[in-house]
Amino acid sequence: MTVIHPRPLARAVFAMLTMTALPAAAADLTKQEPVTVTIRLGGMEGQHRFTPDLLTLEAGKLYTLRLENAGTQPYYFGSPGLADAVYTRKVVAKDAAGKVVAEIYGPVRRIEISAGHTVEWWFLPVRTGRFDDVTSTKKLAEAGMRATIEVK
């Protein structure tokens, strides 16, 4: 015979009744249209920078972060703080013509983008915060290639 204890059951029912309901589209990522935001890495004149170097995102919205390497060398994009604050849906790698050459699923820590190519990181911010740890490499960060992403 199974015995159901009333206290844990009552707590579970209370929790379900008092939770704020999410809109159906927010709860189901397949129904959300992503908001596309672009960051350019590097520049045509050898500039080592992120453009823009400040982004503000909203928790609970699906984003496609387009990382376009406008430089003549490979660049990295990494932010441990942001990586810990988002649910990654996928990463899409594209060639210079914009054709999808790979899709990667699972957590993302750092992305390398070849010169002239684009990568799209699809994610849903699940935690707010200010992440001023967006860098390419330590050497380039020391030279000023840094960015900040704020999730509200």
N, C-alpha and C. Protein backbone atom coordinates (compact mmCIF):
# COMPACT_ATOMS: atom_id res chain seq x y z
N MET A 1 0.84 -1.18 0.00
CA MET A 1 0.00 0.00 0.00
C MET A 1 0.89 1.25 0.00
N THR A 2 0.60 2.18 -0.88
CA THR A 2 1.36 3.42 -0.98
C THR A 2 0.73 4.47 -0.07
N VAL A 3 1.59 5.09 0.73
CA VAL A 3 1.12 6.13 1.64
C VAL A 3 1.61 7.47 1.11
N ILE A 4 0.69 8.40 0.92
CA ILE A 4 1.05 9.74 0.47
C ILE A 4 1.01 10.66 1.68
N HIS A 5 2.13 11.27 1.96
CA HIS A 5 2.20 12.20 3.09
C HIS A 5 1.60 13.54 2.68
N PRO A 6 0.71 14.08 3.48
CA PRO A 6 0.01 15.31 3.08
C PRO A 6 0.89 16.55 3.00
N ARG A 7 1.92 16.67 3.85
CA ARG A 7 2.73 17.90 3.82
C ARG A 7 3.48 18.09 2.50
N PRO A 8 4.28 17.11 2.03
CA PRO A 8 4.97 17.32 0.75
C PRO A 8 3.99 17.56 -0.40
N LEU A 9 2.87 16.85 -0.38
CA LEU A 9 1.88 17.03 -1.43
C LEU A 9 1.28 18.44 -1.36
N ALA A 10 0.98 18.90 -0.17
CA ALA A 10 0.42 20.25 0.00
C ALA A 10 1.42 21.30 -0.46
N ARG A 11 2.70 21.11 -0.13
CA ARG A 11 3.73 22.07 -0.57
C ARG A 11 3.82 22.11 -2.09
N ALA A 12 3.77 20.94 -2.72
CA ALA A 12 3.86 20.88 -4.18
C ALA A 12 2.67 21.59 -4.82
N VAL A 13 1.47 21.35 -4.30
CA VAL A 13 0.27 22.00 -4.84
C VAL A 13 0.35 23.51 -4.63
N PHE A 14 0.78 23.94 -3.45
CA PHE A 14 0.92 25.36 -3.16
C PHE A 14 1.92 26.00 -4.12
N ALA A 15 3.05 25.34 -4.34
CA ALA A 15 4.08 25.87 -5.25
C ALA A 15 3.52 26.01 -6.66
N MET A 16 2.77 25.03 -7.11
CA MET A 16 2.21 25.09 -8.46
C MET A 16 1.19 26.22 -8.58
N LEU A 17 0.41 26.45 -7.54
CA LEU A 17 -0.62 27.48 -7.60
C LEU A 17 -0.06 28.89 -7.49
N THR A 18 1.09 29.04 -6.85
CA THR A 18 1.64 30.38 -6.64
C THR A 18 2.71 30.77 -7.64
N MET A 19 3.11 29.87 -8.52
CA MET A 19 4.12 30.21 -9.52
C MET A 19 3.53 31.17 -10.55
N THR A 20 4.35 32.06 -11.04
CA THR A 20 3.93 32.96 -12.10
C THR A 20 3.91 32.17 -13.39
N ALA A 21 2.82 32.22 -14.09
CA ALA A 21 2.69 31.48 -15.34
C ALA A 21 3.48 32.19 -16.43
N LEU A 22 4.24 31.42 -17.19
CA LEU A 22 4.97 31.96 -18.33
C LEU A 22 4.05 31.93 -19.55
N PRO A 23 4.16 32.89 -20.44
CA PRO A 23 3.41 32.78 -21.68
C PRO A 23 3.85 31.51 -22.41
N ALA A 24 2.94 30.91 -23.14
CA ALA A 24 3.23 29.65 -23.81
C ALA A 24 4.46 29.75 -24.72
N ALA A 25 4.60 30.86 -25.44
CA ALA A 25 5.75 31.00 -26.34
C ALA A 25 7.06 31.07 -25.58
N ALA A 26 7.05 31.68 -24.39
CA ALA A 26 8.28 31.78 -23.61
C ALA A 26 8.68 30.42 -23.06
N ALA A 27 7.71 29.59 -22.74
CA ALA A 27 8.01 28.28 -22.19
C ALA A 27 8.44 27.31 -23.27
N ASP A 28 8.03 27.50 -24.50
CA ASP A 28 8.33 26.59 -25.59
C ASP A 28 9.23 27.31 -26.60
N LEU A 29 10.52 26.96 -26.59
CA LEU A 29 11.47 27.64 -27.48
C LEU A 29 11.15 27.46 -28.95
N THR A 30 10.45 26.39 -29.30
CA THR A 30 10.13 26.17 -30.71
C THR A 30 9.09 27.15 -31.22
N LYS A 31 8.39 27.83 -30.32
CA LYS A 31 7.36 28.79 -30.72
C LYS A 31 7.85 30.24 -30.66
N GLN A 32 9.03 30.48 -30.13
CA GLN A 32 9.57 31.84 -30.05
C GLN A 32 10.35 32.17 -31.31
N GLU A 33 10.13 33.37 -31.81
CA GLU A 33 10.97 33.88 -32.89
C GLU A 33 12.18 34.54 -32.24
N PRO A 34 13.39 34.19 -32.65
CA PRO A 34 14.56 34.79 -32.00
C PRO A 34 14.74 36.25 -32.36
N VAL A 35 15.27 36.99 -31.41
CA VAL A 35 15.69 38.37 -31.64
C VAL A 35 17.15 38.28 -32.09
N THR A 36 17.45 38.81 -33.28
CA THR A 36 18.81 38.72 -33.80
C THR A 36 19.60 39.96 -33.41
N VAL A 37 20.77 39.72 -32.82
CA VAL A 37 21.69 40.77 -32.41
C VAL A 37 23.04 40.43 -33.03
N THR A 38 23.73 41.42 -33.58
CA THR A 38 25.00 41.17 -34.25
C THR A 38 26.15 41.85 -33.53
N ILE A 39 27.25 41.11 -33.38
CA ILE A 39 28.51 41.67 -32.90
C ILE A 39 29.55 41.39 -33.97
N ARG A 40 30.24 42.46 -34.40
CA ARG A 40 31.33 42.30 -35.37
C ARG A 40 32.64 42.20 -34.60
N LEU A 41 33.46 41.27 -35.00
CA LEU A 41 34.77 41.06 -34.38
C LEU A 41 35.83 41.54 -35.36
N GLY A 42 36.75 42.36 -34.88
CA GLY A 42 37.80 42.89 -35.74
C GLY A 42 37.29 43.99 -36.64
N GLY A 43 38.14 44.39 -37.56
CA GLY A 43 37.79 45.45 -38.50
C GLY A 43 38.64 45.33 -39.74
N MET A 44 38.26 46.05 -40.76
CA MET A 44 38.96 45.98 -42.04
C MET A 44 40.38 46.53 -41.96
N GLU A 45 40.64 47.41 -41.02
CA GLU A 45 41.96 48.04 -40.93
C GLU A 45 42.80 47.43 -39.80
N GLY A 46 42.55 46.17 -39.49
CA GLY A 46 43.33 45.50 -38.45
C GLY A 46 42.95 45.87 -37.03
N GLN A 47 41.78 46.49 -36.86
CA GLN A 47 41.34 46.88 -35.51
C GLN A 47 40.89 45.63 -34.75
N HIS A 48 41.35 45.50 -33.53
CA HIS A 48 40.95 44.40 -32.66
C HIS A 48 39.89 44.94 -31.71
N ARG A 49 38.61 44.66 -32.04
CA ARG A 49 37.54 45.19 -31.21
C ARG A 49 36.25 44.40 -31.43
N PHE A 50 35.31 44.56 -30.50
CA PHE A 50 33.95 44.07 -30.64
C PHE A 50 33.08 45.29 -30.93
N THR A 51 32.21 45.20 -31.94
CA THR A 51 31.31 46.29 -32.26
C THR A 51 29.89 45.75 -32.36
N PRO A 52 28.98 46.19 -31.53
CA PRO A 52 29.16 47.11 -30.41
C PRO A 52 29.87 46.41 -29.25
N ASP A 53 30.35 47.21 -28.32
CA ASP A 53 31.04 46.63 -27.16
C ASP A 53 30.16 46.62 -25.91
N LEU A 54 28.88 46.97 -26.09
CA LEU A 54 27.91 46.90 -24.99
C LEU A 54 26.56 46.47 -25.57
N LEU A 55 26.01 45.38 -25.02
CA LEU A 55 24.70 44.88 -25.42
C LEU A 55 23.82 44.74 -24.18
N THR A 56 22.53 44.99 -24.35
CA THR A 56 21.57 44.75 -23.28
C THR A 56 20.54 43.77 -23.80
N LEU A 57 20.37 42.66 -23.09
CA LEU A 57 19.43 41.61 -23.47
C LEU A 57 18.38 41.46 -22.37
N GLU A 58 17.33 40.72 -22.67
CA GLU A 58 16.25 40.52 -21.71
C GLU A 58 16.13 39.03 -21.39
N ALA A 59 16.11 38.70 -20.11
CA ALA A 59 15.95 37.31 -19.68
C ALA A 59 14.62 36.77 -20.19
N GLY A 60 14.63 35.51 -20.61
CA GLY A 60 13.40 34.86 -21.07
C GLY A 60 13.12 35.00 -22.55
N LYS A 61 13.90 35.79 -23.28
CA LYS A 61 13.73 35.95 -24.72
C LYS A 61 14.77 35.11 -25.44
N LEU A 62 14.37 34.51 -26.55
CA LEU A 62 15.29 33.74 -27.37
C LEU A 62 16.08 34.69 -28.27
N TYR A 63 17.39 34.54 -28.27
CA TYR A 63 18.27 35.39 -29.08
C TYR A 63 19.09 34.56 -30.06
N THR A 64 19.38 35.18 -31.20
CA THR A 64 20.40 34.69 -32.11
C THR A 64 21.49 35.74 -32.08
N LEU A 65 22.62 35.40 -31.47
CA LEU A 65 23.76 36.31 -31.42
C LEU A 65 24.64 35.99 -32.62
N ARG A 66 24.62 36.89 -33.62
CA ARG A 66 25.43 36.71 -34.83
C ARG A 66 26.82 37.27 -34.57
N LEU A 67 27.80 36.43 -34.66
CA LEU A 67 29.20 36.82 -34.47
C LEU A 67 29.85 36.85 -35.84
N GLU A 68 30.09 38.06 -36.36
CA GLU A 68 30.66 38.23 -37.70
C GLU A 68 32.12 38.64 -37.58
N ASN A 69 33.00 37.83 -38.13
CA ASN A 69 34.42 38.18 -38.11
C ASN A 69 34.73 39.03 -39.33
N ALA A 70 34.89 40.33 -39.11
CA ALA A 70 35.19 41.27 -40.19
C ALA A 70 36.69 41.48 -40.36
N GLY A 71 37.46 40.78 -39.56
CA GLY A 71 38.91 40.94 -39.59
C GLY A 71 39.60 40.02 -40.58
N THR A 72 40.91 40.02 -40.50
CA THR A 72 41.72 39.21 -41.41
C THR A 72 42.37 38.03 -40.68
N GLN A 73 41.98 37.82 -39.44
CA GLN A 73 42.53 36.72 -38.66
C GLN A 73 41.40 36.08 -37.85
N PRO A 74 41.58 34.86 -37.37
CA PRO A 74 40.55 34.26 -36.51
C PRO A 74 40.43 35.02 -35.19
N TYR A 75 39.21 35.08 -34.66
CA TYR A 75 38.96 35.67 -33.35
C TYR A 75 38.14 34.69 -32.52
N TYR A 76 38.29 34.82 -31.22
CA TYR A 76 37.47 34.05 -30.29
C TYR A 76 36.42 34.97 -29.70
N PHE A 77 35.31 34.35 -29.27
CA PHE A 77 34.29 35.05 -28.50
C PHE A 77 34.02 34.18 -27.29
N GLY A 78 34.25 34.73 -26.11
CA GLY A 78 34.01 33.96 -24.90
C GLY A 78 33.59 34.85 -23.75
N SER A 79 32.68 34.32 -22.94
CA SER A 79 32.23 35.00 -21.73
C SER A 79 31.75 33.92 -20.76
N PRO A 80 32.60 33.52 -19.82
CA PRO A 80 32.18 32.51 -18.85
C PRO A 80 30.91 32.92 -18.10
N GLY A 81 30.79 34.20 -17.77
CA GLY A 81 29.60 34.67 -17.05
C GLY A 81 28.33 34.51 -17.87
N LEU A 82 28.37 34.93 -19.13
CA LEU A 82 27.21 34.79 -20.00
C LEU A 82 26.90 33.32 -20.25
N ALA A 83 27.93 32.52 -20.48
CA ALA A 83 27.73 31.09 -20.74
C ALA A 83 26.99 30.41 -19.59
N ASP A 84 27.27 30.84 -18.36
CA ASP A 84 26.60 30.26 -17.19
C ASP A 84 25.19 30.80 -16.98
N ALA A 85 24.83 31.88 -17.68
CA ALA A 85 23.54 32.53 -17.47
C ALA A 85 22.53 32.26 -18.58
N VAL A 86 22.89 31.40 -19.54
CA VAL A 86 21.99 31.14 -20.66
C VAL A 86 21.77 29.64 -20.85
N TYR A 87 20.65 29.33 -21.51
CA TYR A 87 20.40 27.98 -22.01
C TYR A 87 20.70 28.05 -23.50
N THR A 88 21.66 27.25 -23.96
CA THR A 88 22.03 27.25 -25.37
C THR A 88 21.12 26.31 -26.14
N ARG A 89 20.49 26.85 -27.17
CA ARG A 89 19.68 26.01 -28.05
C ARG A 89 20.56 25.35 -29.10
N LYS A 90 21.45 26.15 -29.74
CA LYS A 90 22.37 25.60 -30.74
C LYS A 90 23.35 26.68 -31.16
N VAL A 91 24.40 26.25 -31.83
CA VAL A 91 25.35 27.15 -32.49
C VAL A 91 25.37 26.76 -33.96
N VAL A 92 25.25 27.74 -34.84
CA VAL A 92 25.23 27.49 -36.28
C VAL A 92 26.47 28.13 -36.89
N ALA A 93 27.28 27.31 -37.58
CA ALA A 93 28.47 27.81 -38.26
C ALA A 93 28.15 27.99 -39.74
N LYS A 94 28.55 29.13 -40.29
CA LYS A 94 28.28 29.43 -41.70
C LYS A 94 29.59 29.74 -42.42
N ASP A 95 29.62 29.42 -43.72
CA ASP A 95 30.80 29.76 -44.51
C ASP A 95 30.69 31.21 -44.99
N ALA A 96 31.67 31.65 -45.78
CA ALA A 96 31.71 33.05 -46.24
C ALA A 96 30.49 33.42 -47.08
N ALA A 97 29.87 32.43 -47.74
CA ALA A 97 28.69 32.70 -48.56
C ALA A 97 27.40 32.67 -47.74
N GLY A 98 27.51 32.36 -46.45
CA GLY A 98 26.33 32.31 -45.58
C GLY A 98 25.66 30.95 -45.52
N LYS A 99 26.28 29.94 -46.13
CA LYS A 99 25.71 28.59 -46.11
C LYS A 99 26.04 27.91 -44.78
N VAL A 100 25.03 27.25 -44.20
CA VAL A 100 25.24 26.53 -42.95
C VAL A 100 26.15 25.33 -43.20
N VAL A 101 27.24 25.26 -42.44
CA VAL A 101 28.17 24.13 -42.59
C VAL A 101 28.18 23.23 -41.36
N ALA A 102 27.62 23.71 -40.24
CA ALA A 102 27.54 22.86 -39.05
C ALA A 102 26.57 23.46 -38.05
N GLU A 103 25.95 22.59 -37.27
CA GLU A 103 25.14 22.99 -36.12
C GLU A 103 25.66 22.21 -34.92
N ILE A 104 25.89 22.90 -33.82
CA ILE A 104 26.44 22.30 -32.61
C ILE A 104 25.41 22.47 -31.50
N TYR A 105 25.21 21.41 -30.72
CA TYR A 105 24.23 21.44 -29.64
C TYR A 105 24.92 21.18 -28.32
N GLY A 106 24.47 21.84 -27.27
CA GLY A 106 25.05 21.66 -25.95
C GLY A 106 25.62 22.96 -25.43
N PRO A 107 26.14 22.92 -24.21
CA PRO A 107 26.69 24.14 -23.60
C PRO A 107 27.86 24.72 -24.40
N VAL A 108 27.97 26.04 -24.38
CA VAL A 108 29.02 26.75 -25.11
C VAL A 108 29.84 27.57 -24.13
N ARG A 109 31.16 27.49 -24.22
CA ARG A 109 32.05 28.29 -23.38
C ARG A 109 32.79 29.34 -24.20
N ARG A 110 33.19 28.96 -25.41
CA ARG A 110 34.01 29.83 -26.24
C ARG A 110 33.84 29.41 -27.69
N ILE A 111 33.84 30.39 -28.59
CA ILE A 111 33.64 30.12 -30.01
C ILE A 111 34.78 30.77 -30.79
N GLU A 112 35.36 30.03 -31.73
CA GLU A 112 36.37 30.61 -32.63
C GLU A 112 35.72 30.83 -33.98
N ILE A 113 35.91 32.04 -34.53
CA ILE A 113 35.33 32.40 -35.82
C ILE A 113 36.46 32.74 -36.77
N SER A 114 36.51 32.03 -37.89
CA SER A 114 37.54 32.30 -38.90
C SER A 114 37.27 33.63 -39.58
N ALA A 115 38.32 34.23 -40.11
CA ALA A 115 38.21 35.52 -40.81
C ALA A 115 37.18 35.41 -41.93
N GLY A 116 36.29 36.40 -41.98
CA GLY A 116 35.28 36.45 -43.04
C GLY A 116 34.08 35.54 -42.84
N HIS A 117 34.00 34.85 -41.72
CA HIS A 117 32.89 33.92 -41.47
C HIS A 117 31.98 34.40 -40.35
N THR A 118 30.84 33.73 -40.24
CA THR A 118 29.83 34.08 -39.25
C THR A 118 29.40 32.84 -38.48
N VAL A 119 29.19 33.02 -37.19
CA VAL A 119 28.64 31.98 -36.33
C VAL A 119 27.43 32.57 -35.63
N GLU A 120 26.36 31.79 -35.51
CA GLU A 120 25.17 32.23 -34.78
C GLU A 120 25.01 31.39 -33.53
N TRP A 121 24.91 32.04 -32.38
CA TRP A 121 24.71 31.36 -31.10
C TRP A 121 23.27 31.63 -30.69
N TRP A 122 22.44 30.60 -30.70
CA TRP A 122 21.04 30.70 -30.31
C TRP A 122 20.96 30.37 -28.83
N PHE A 123 20.45 31.31 -28.02
CA PHE A 123 20.37 31.05 -26.58
C PHE A 123 19.23 31.82 -25.94
N LEU A 124 18.89 31.38 -24.73
CA LEU A 124 17.85 31.99 -23.92
C LEU A 124 18.46 32.39 -22.59
N PRO A 125 18.60 33.69 -22.30
CA PRO A 125 19.11 34.09 -20.99
C PRO A 125 18.13 33.65 -19.89
N VAL A 126 18.65 32.96 -18.89
CA VAL A 126 17.81 32.48 -17.79
C VAL A 126 18.19 33.13 -16.46
N ARG A 127 19.24 33.95 -16.47
CA ARG A 127 19.68 34.64 -15.26
C ARG A 127 20.12 36.04 -15.64
N THR A 128 19.77 37.01 -14.81
CA THR A 128 20.17 38.39 -15.07
C THR A 128 21.59 38.63 -14.55
N GLY A 129 22.20 39.69 -15.05
CA GLY A 129 23.53 40.06 -14.59
C GLY A 129 24.24 40.91 -15.61
N ARG A 130 25.38 41.43 -15.19
CA ARG A 130 26.23 42.25 -16.06
C ARG A 130 27.52 41.46 -16.27
N PHE A 131 27.79 41.08 -17.50
CA PHE A 131 28.92 40.23 -17.83
C PHE A 131 29.95 41.04 -18.61
N ASP A 132 30.95 41.53 -17.88
CA ASP A 132 31.98 42.36 -18.50
C ASP A 132 33.22 41.53 -18.81
N ASP A 133 33.03 40.22 -18.96
CA ASP A 133 34.15 39.32 -19.22
C ASP A 133 34.18 38.82 -20.67
N VAL A 134 33.53 39.55 -21.59
CA VAL A 134 33.54 39.15 -23.00
C VAL A 134 34.90 39.50 -23.58
N THR A 135 35.63 38.47 -24.01
CA THR A 135 36.97 38.68 -24.56
C THR A 135 37.21 37.74 -25.74
N SER A 136 38.30 37.99 -26.45
CA SER A 136 38.77 37.09 -27.50
C SER A 136 39.91 36.27 -26.92
N THR A 137 41.06 36.89 -26.75
CA THR A 137 42.20 36.24 -26.08
C THR A 137 42.71 37.19 -25.00
N LYS A 138 43.51 36.69 -24.10
CA LYS A 138 44.04 37.53 -23.02
C LYS A 138 44.84 38.70 -23.59
N LYS A 139 45.67 38.41 -24.58
CA LYS A 139 46.51 39.45 -25.19
C LYS A 139 45.64 40.54 -25.84
N LEU A 140 44.60 40.14 -26.58
CA LEU A 140 43.73 41.12 -27.22
C LEU A 140 42.88 41.87 -26.20
N ALA A 141 42.49 41.21 -25.12
CA ALA A 141 41.73 41.89 -24.05
C ALA A 141 42.59 42.99 -23.43
N GLU A 142 43.86 42.69 -23.20
CA GLU A 142 44.78 43.70 -22.65
C GLU A 142 44.96 44.87 -23.60
N ALA A 143 44.79 44.61 -24.91
CA ALA A 143 44.90 45.67 -25.91
C ALA A 143 43.57 46.41 -26.12
N GLY A 144 42.52 46.01 -25.38
CA GLY A 144 41.25 46.73 -25.45
C GLY A 144 40.11 46.00 -26.13
N MET A 145 40.31 44.78 -26.61
CA MET A 145 39.23 44.03 -27.25
C MET A 145 38.40 43.34 -26.17
N ARG A 146 37.45 44.11 -25.63
CA ARG A 146 36.57 43.63 -24.56
C ARG A 146 35.16 44.12 -24.85
N ALA A 147 34.19 43.44 -24.27
CA ALA A 147 32.80 43.88 -24.40
C ALA A 147 32.05 43.50 -23.13
N THR A 148 30.87 44.09 -22.98
CA THR A 148 30.00 43.83 -21.84
C THR A 148 28.62 43.48 -22.36
N ILE A 149 28.03 42.44 -21.77
CA ILE A 149 26.65 42.07 -22.09
C ILE A 149 25.87 42.09 -20.79
N GLU A 150 24.77 42.85 -20.80
CA GLU A 150 23.92 42.93 -19.61
C GLU A 150 22.60 42.24 -19.91
N VAL A 151 22.17 41.38 -18.99
CA VAL A 151 20.88 40.71 -19.11
C VAL A 151 19.99 41.26 -18.01
N LYS A 152 18.85 41.84 -18.42
CA LYS A 152 17.90 42.42 -17.45
C LYS A 152 16.69 41.53 -17.33
